[in-house]
Amino acid sequence: MKYGRDEENGGLIYGYDLEGNFWKYFVDHKYGGWYRILTPTNEKCSDEKSPTGKTDYHTMGVCYEALNVIHKE
C-alpha cells in the first residue's frame, strides 16, 4: 500500500479503496461484467468491459467451477 496509495484522490491506485469497496465500482451490477479502468473518482472511463483479444475470465471461471460441481454429483 505504500506505493499504491493515491494521496491526491484517496484510496489505492487501480484496485480497491481502504474499505475494500472494489466490487462496488468495477462491476456492472446491471448487465454484468467488469469495467477495466476507473477514474480517480471511481467512475467508468468508457462502456468497454473486455476489448478485442481479451475476455471476462471471471465469468468463465465461475462457469467452469459450476460444471465441475455438477459433474461430481
N, C-alpha and C. Protein backbone atom coordinates (compact mmCIF):
# COMPACT_ATOMS: atom_id res chain seq x y z
N MET A 1 0.82 -1.19 0.00
CA MET A 1 0.00 0.00 0.00
C MET A 1 0.86 1.26 0.00
N LYS A 2 2.10 1.14 0.40
CA LYS A 2 2.96 2.31 0.46
C LYS A 2 3.05 3.01 -0.88
N TYR A 3 3.20 2.25 -1.98
CA TYR A 3 3.37 2.85 -3.30
C TYR A 3 2.07 2.92 -4.10
N GLY A 4 1.04 2.24 -3.65
CA GLY A 4 -0.22 2.22 -4.38
C GLY A 4 -1.23 3.25 -3.91
N ARG A 5 -0.90 3.98 -2.88
CA ARG A 5 -1.83 4.96 -2.31
C ARG A 5 -1.89 6.21 -3.19
N ASP A 6 -3.10 6.64 -3.50
CA ASP A 6 -3.33 7.87 -4.27
C ASP A 6 -3.54 9.00 -3.27
N GLU A 7 -2.49 9.75 -2.98
CA GLU A 7 -2.55 10.81 -1.96
C GLU A 7 -3.48 11.94 -2.37
N GLU A 8 -3.59 12.22 -3.67
CA GLU A 8 -4.43 13.33 -4.13
C GLU A 8 -5.92 13.02 -4.06
N ASN A 9 -6.31 11.81 -4.47
CA ASN A 9 -7.72 11.45 -4.53
C ASN A 9 -8.16 10.48 -3.44
N GLY A 10 -7.21 9.93 -2.73
CA GLY A 10 -7.53 8.94 -1.70
C GLY A 10 -7.68 7.55 -2.29
N GLY A 11 -7.57 6.56 -1.46
CA GLY A 11 -7.72 5.18 -1.91
C GLY A 11 -6.45 4.65 -2.56
N LEU A 12 -6.59 3.49 -3.18
CA LEU A 12 -5.47 2.84 -3.84
C LEU A 12 -5.58 2.98 -5.34
N ILE A 13 -4.46 3.03 -6.00
CA ILE A 13 -4.45 3.18 -7.45
C ILE A 13 -4.76 1.84 -8.11
N TYR A 14 -5.71 1.85 -9.05
CA TYR A 14 -6.10 0.69 -9.84
C TYR A 14 -6.33 -0.54 -9.00
N GLY A 15 -7.26 -0.48 -8.13
CA GLY A 15 -7.57 -1.63 -7.30
C GLY A 15 -8.79 -1.39 -6.46
N TYR A 16 -8.59 -1.26 -5.18
CA TYR A 16 -9.71 -1.11 -4.26
C TYR A 16 -9.38 -0.03 -3.24
N ASP A 17 -10.44 0.51 -2.61
CA ASP A 17 -10.21 1.56 -1.62
C ASP A 17 -9.89 0.93 -0.25
N LEU A 18 -9.62 1.75 0.72
CA LEU A 18 -9.21 1.25 2.03
C LEU A 18 -10.30 0.50 2.76
N GLU A 19 -11.55 0.68 2.34
CA GLU A 19 -12.66 -0.05 2.95
C GLU A 19 -12.99 -1.33 2.19
N GLY A 20 -12.25 -1.61 1.13
CA GLY A 20 -12.49 -2.82 0.35
C GLY A 20 -13.63 -2.72 -0.62
N ASN A 21 -13.99 -1.53 -1.06
CA ASN A 21 -15.12 -1.34 -1.98
C ASN A 21 -14.74 -1.58 -3.44
N PHE A 22 -14.03 -2.65 -3.68
CA PHE A 22 -13.59 -3.00 -5.03
C PHE A 22 -14.78 -3.30 -5.93
N TRP A 23 -15.66 -4.15 -5.48
CA TRP A 23 -16.79 -4.61 -6.30
C TRP A 23 -17.75 -3.49 -6.63
N LYS A 24 -17.95 -2.61 -5.72
CA LYS A 24 -18.95 -1.56 -5.86
C LYS A 24 -18.78 -0.77 -7.15
N TYR A 25 -17.55 -0.53 -7.57
CA TYR A 25 -17.31 0.34 -8.72
C TYR A 25 -16.88 -0.41 -9.98
N PHE A 26 -16.12 -1.46 -9.86
CA PHE A 26 -15.61 -2.16 -11.05
C PHE A 26 -16.67 -3.02 -11.73
N VAL A 27 -17.62 -3.56 -10.99
CA VAL A 27 -18.62 -4.47 -11.55
C VAL A 27 -19.81 -3.70 -12.09
N ASP A 28 -20.28 -4.11 -13.28
CA ASP A 28 -21.51 -3.56 -13.83
C ASP A 28 -22.65 -4.37 -13.23
N HIS A 29 -23.27 -3.84 -12.20
CA HIS A 29 -24.30 -4.56 -11.47
C HIS A 29 -25.60 -4.72 -12.26
N LYS A 30 -25.77 -3.95 -13.31
CA LYS A 30 -26.99 -4.05 -14.12
C LYS A 30 -26.86 -5.11 -15.21
N TYR A 31 -25.76 -5.12 -15.96
CA TYR A 31 -25.60 -6.02 -17.10
C TYR A 31 -24.51 -7.06 -16.91
N GLY A 32 -23.77 -7.02 -15.81
CA GLY A 32 -22.70 -7.97 -15.57
C GLY A 32 -21.39 -7.53 -16.21
N GLY A 33 -20.34 -8.21 -15.87
CA GLY A 33 -19.02 -7.90 -16.39
C GLY A 33 -18.32 -6.86 -15.53
N TRP A 34 -17.07 -6.60 -15.89
CA TRP A 34 -16.23 -5.67 -15.14
C TRP A 34 -15.78 -4.54 -16.04
N TYR A 35 -15.76 -3.34 -15.50
CA TYR A 35 -15.14 -2.22 -16.22
C TYR A 35 -13.65 -2.31 -15.98
N ARG A 36 -12.86 -2.10 -17.02
CA ARG A 36 -11.41 -2.26 -16.91
C ARG A 36 -10.74 -1.16 -16.13
N ILE A 37 -11.15 0.08 -16.39
CA ILE A 37 -10.44 1.22 -15.82
C ILE A 37 -11.45 2.21 -15.24
N LEU A 38 -11.14 2.73 -14.07
CA LEU A 38 -11.98 3.75 -13.44
C LEU A 38 -11.18 5.04 -13.30
N THR A 39 -11.91 6.14 -13.22
CA THR A 39 -11.27 7.44 -12.97
C THR A 39 -10.89 7.51 -11.49
N PRO A 40 -10.12 8.51 -11.08
CA PRO A 40 -9.79 8.66 -9.66
C PRO A 40 -11.02 8.85 -8.77
N THR A 41 -12.16 9.23 -9.37
CA THR A 41 -13.39 9.38 -8.59
C THR A 41 -14.30 8.16 -8.73
N ASN A 42 -13.73 7.03 -9.18
CA ASN A 42 -14.44 5.74 -9.30
C ASN A 42 -15.57 5.74 -10.31
N GLU A 43 -15.41 6.46 -11.40
CA GLU A 43 -16.38 6.43 -12.49
C GLU A 43 -15.76 5.66 -13.65
N LYS A 44 -16.60 4.96 -14.42
CA LYS A 44 -16.06 4.23 -15.56
C LYS A 44 -15.56 5.20 -16.61
N CYS A 45 -14.47 4.84 -17.28
CA CYS A 45 -13.90 5.69 -18.33
C CYS A 45 -14.64 5.52 -19.64
N SER A 46 -15.21 4.34 -19.86
CA SER A 46 -15.99 4.06 -21.06
C SER A 46 -16.91 2.89 -20.76
N ASP A 47 -17.75 2.53 -21.72
CA ASP A 47 -18.63 1.38 -21.56
C ASP A 47 -17.94 0.06 -21.89
N GLU A 48 -16.70 0.13 -22.40
CA GLU A 48 -15.96 -1.07 -22.78
C GLU A 48 -15.60 -1.88 -21.54
N LYS A 49 -15.87 -3.17 -21.61
CA LYS A 49 -15.54 -4.05 -20.49
C LYS A 49 -14.41 -4.99 -20.86
N SER A 50 -14.50 -5.64 -22.01
CA SER A 50 -13.45 -6.55 -22.46
C SER A 50 -13.12 -6.21 -23.90
N PRO A 51 -11.97 -5.58 -24.15
CA PRO A 51 -11.61 -5.23 -25.52
C PRO A 51 -11.30 -6.47 -26.35
N THR A 52 -11.23 -6.30 -27.65
CA THR A 52 -10.90 -7.39 -28.55
C THR A 52 -9.61 -8.08 -28.09
N GLY A 53 -9.65 -9.39 -28.08
CA GLY A 53 -8.48 -10.15 -27.66
C GLY A 53 -8.42 -10.44 -26.17
N LYS A 54 -9.36 -9.92 -25.45
CA LYS A 54 -9.39 -10.15 -24.01
C LYS A 54 -10.79 -10.64 -23.65
N THR A 55 -10.91 -11.40 -22.59
CA THR A 55 -12.22 -11.90 -22.19
C THR A 55 -12.45 -11.64 -20.71
N ASP A 56 -13.70 -11.64 -20.32
CA ASP A 56 -14.04 -11.51 -18.90
C ASP A 56 -13.88 -12.89 -18.28
N TYR A 57 -12.66 -13.23 -17.88
CA TYR A 57 -12.36 -14.58 -17.40
C TYR A 57 -13.02 -14.91 -16.07
N HIS A 58 -13.46 -13.92 -15.32
CA HIS A 58 -14.11 -14.21 -14.04
C HIS A 58 -15.40 -15.00 -14.27
N THR A 59 -16.20 -14.58 -15.23
CA THR A 59 -17.45 -15.27 -15.54
C THR A 59 -17.16 -16.68 -16.05
N MET A 60 -16.18 -16.81 -16.94
CA MET A 60 -15.83 -18.12 -17.47
C MET A 60 -15.32 -19.04 -16.36
N GLY A 61 -14.56 -18.50 -15.42
CA GLY A 61 -14.04 -19.29 -14.31
C GLY A 61 -15.15 -19.83 -13.43
N VAL A 62 -16.15 -19.00 -13.17
CA VAL A 62 -17.28 -19.43 -12.35
C VAL A 62 -18.06 -20.53 -13.07
N CYS A 63 -18.27 -20.39 -14.37
CA CYS A 63 -18.96 -21.44 -15.14
C CYS A 63 -18.20 -22.76 -15.08
N TYR A 64 -16.89 -22.68 -15.22
CA TYR A 64 -16.05 -23.87 -15.16
C TYR A 64 -16.20 -24.56 -13.80
N GLU A 65 -16.13 -23.79 -12.74
CA GLU A 65 -16.25 -24.37 -11.39
C GLU A 65 -17.64 -24.94 -11.15
N ALA A 66 -18.68 -24.28 -11.66
CA ALA A 66 -20.04 -24.79 -11.51
C ALA A 66 -20.20 -26.13 -12.23
N LEU A 67 -19.64 -26.24 -13.44
CA LEU A 67 -19.71 -27.50 -14.17
C LEU A 67 -18.95 -28.61 -13.45
N ASN A 68 -17.84 -28.30 -12.79
CA ASN A 68 -17.11 -29.30 -12.01
C ASN A 68 -17.97 -29.84 -10.87
N VAL A 69 -18.70 -28.96 -10.21
CA VAL A 69 -19.56 -29.39 -9.10
C VAL A 69 -20.72 -30.24 -9.61
N ILE A 70 -21.34 -29.81 -10.71
CA ILE A 70 -22.46 -30.57 -11.28
C ILE A 70 -21.99 -31.95 -11.72
N HIS A 71 -20.83 -32.00 -12.34
CA HIS A 71 -20.29 -33.27 -12.84
C HIS A 71 -20.03 -34.26 -11.69
N LYS A 72 -19.61 -33.78 -10.55
CA LYS A 72 -19.30 -34.65 -9.42
C LYS A 72 -20.56 -35.22 -8.77
N GLU A 73 -21.68 -34.54 -8.93
CA GLU A 73 -22.94 -35.01 -8.32
C GLU A 73 -23.50 -36.09 -9.17
